[in-house]
Amino acid sequence: MRTPEKAVQGKASLLGINDSFKKVVLVRDVVKPLRDERGVVTMSVFDFLLDENSFAGI
């Protein structure tokens, strides 16, 4: 994400949900998929849509 404030904003709604589903933030930028300390994955929308194994390594 372009700024730390945008990253916090993008993850805020996901962190309020207490369930066992994967939490994913999709961004337009080309970024390496990354899982943060709370388990939220940030990845490129292009990887998400075009790679059928996009969750395999995360």
C-alpha atoms as a PDB file:
ATOM      1  CA  MET A   1       0.000   0.000   0.000  1.00  0.00           C
ATOM      2  CA  ARG A   2       1.190   3.451  -0.700  1.00  0.00           C
ATOM      3  CA  THR A   3       1.108   4.826   2.851  1.00  0.00           C
ATOM      4  CA  PRO A   4       1.064   3.300   6.329  1.00  0.00           C
ATOM      5  CA  GLU A   5      -2.261   5.047   6.981  1.00  0.00           C
ATOM      6  CA  LYS A   6      -3.836   3.300   3.964  1.00  0.00           C
ATOM      7  CA  ALA A   7      -2.509  -0.054   5.209  1.00  0.00           C
ATOM      8  CA  VAL A   8      -4.138   0.478   8.607  1.00  0.00           C
ATOM      9  CA  GLN A   9      -7.377   1.575   6.957  1.00  0.00           C
ATOM     10  CA  GLY A  10      -7.410  -1.447   4.642  1.00  0.00           C
ATOM     11  CA  LYS A  11      -6.928  -3.926   7.484  1.00  0.00           C
ATOM     12  CA  ALA A  12      -9.121  -2.292  10.152  1.00  0.00           C
ATOM     13  CA  SER A  13     -12.403  -3.839   9.054  1.00  0.00           C
ATOM     14  CA  LEU A  14     -10.850  -7.298   8.766  1.00  0.00           C
ATOM     15  CA  LEU A  15      -9.355  -7.255  12.241  1.00  0.00           C
ATOM     16  CA  GLY A  16     -12.767  -6.726  13.829  1.00  0.00           C
ATOM     17  CA  ILE A  17     -14.019 -10.062  12.492  1.00  0.00           C
ATOM     18  CA  ASN A  18     -13.335 -12.995  14.807  1.00  0.00           C
ATOM     19  CA  ASP A  19     -13.538 -16.066  12.580  1.00  0.00           C
ATOM     20  CA  SER A  20     -11.199 -18.606  11.025  1.00  0.00           C
ATOM     21  CA  PHE A  21     -11.371 -17.391   7.413  1.00  0.00           C
ATOM     22  CA  LYS A  22      -8.278 -16.015   5.700  1.00  0.00           C
ATOM     23  CA  LYS A  23      -8.098 -12.233   5.690  1.00  0.00           C
ATOM     24  CA  VAL A  24      -6.823 -10.747   2.425  1.00  0.00           C
ATOM     25  CA  VAL A  25      -6.190  -7.165   1.346  1.00  0.00           C
ATOM     26  CA  LEU A  26      -5.873  -6.819  -2.422  1.00  0.00           C
ATOM     27  CA  VAL A  27      -3.890  -3.913  -3.841  1.00  0.00           C
ATOM     28  CA  ARG A  28      -3.430  -2.607  -7.386  1.00  0.00           C
ATOM     29  CA  ASP A  29       0.324  -2.325  -6.970  1.00  0.00           C
ATOM     30  CA  VAL A  30       2.591  -5.236  -7.837  1.00  0.00           C
ATOM     31  CA  VAL A  31       3.802  -6.440  -4.437  1.00  0.00           C
ATOM     32  CA  LYS A  32       5.196  -9.642  -3.024  1.00  0.00           C
ATOM     33  CA  PRO A  33       2.478 -11.419  -1.004  1.00  0.00           C
ATOM     34  CA  LEU A  34       3.027 -10.753   2.681  1.00  0.00           C
ATOM     35  CA  ARG A  35       1.336 -12.057   5.844  1.00  0.00           C
ATOM     36  CA  ASP A  36       1.512  -9.711   8.820  1.00  0.00           C
ATOM     37  CA  GLU A  37       1.696 -10.581  12.534  1.00  0.00           C
ATOM     38  CA  ARG A  38      -2.127 -10.761  12.754  1.00  0.00           C
ATOM     39  CA  GLY A  39      -2.438 -13.141   9.818  1.00  0.00           C
ATOM     40  CA  VAL A  40      -3.728 -10.629   7.254  1.00  0.00           C
ATOM     41  CA  VAL A  41      -2.335 -11.258   3.782  1.00  0.00           C
ATOM     42  CA  THR A  42      -1.587  -8.331   1.462  1.00  0.00           C
ATOM     43  CA  MET A  43      -1.188  -9.252  -2.179  1.00  0.00           C
ATOM     44  CA  SER A  44      -1.546  -7.892  -5.682  1.00  0.00           C
ATOM     45  CA  VAL A  45      -4.965  -8.232  -7.256  1.00  0.00           C
ATOM     46  CA  PHE A  46      -3.189  -9.502 -10.367  1.00  0.00           C
ATOM     47  CA  ASP A  47      -1.614 -12.410  -8.469  1.00  0.00           C
ATOM     48  CA  PHE A  48      -4.933 -13.165  -6.800  1.00  0.00           C
ATOM     49  CA  LEU A  49      -6.837 -13.336 -10.087  1.00  0.00           C
ATOM     50  CA  LEU A  50      -4.236 -14.896 -12.378  1.00  0.00           C
ATOM     51  CA  ASP A  51      -2.441 -17.413 -10.156  1.00  0.00           C
ATOM     52  CA  GLU A  52      -4.608 -20.352  -9.111  1.00  0.00           C
ATOM     53  CA  ASN A  53      -2.055 -21.208  -6.402  1.00  0.00           C
ATOM     54  CA  SER A  54      -1.793 -17.698  -4.988  1.00  0.00           C
ATOM     55  CA  PHE A  55      -2.567 -18.891  -1.436  1.00  0.00           C
ATOM     56  CA  ALA A  56      -0.356 -21.968  -1.504  1.00  0.00           C
ATOM     57  CA  GLY A  57       2.795 -20.288  -0.200  1.00  0.00           C
ATOM     58  CA  ILE A  58       1.151 -17.931   2.266  1.00  0.00           C
END
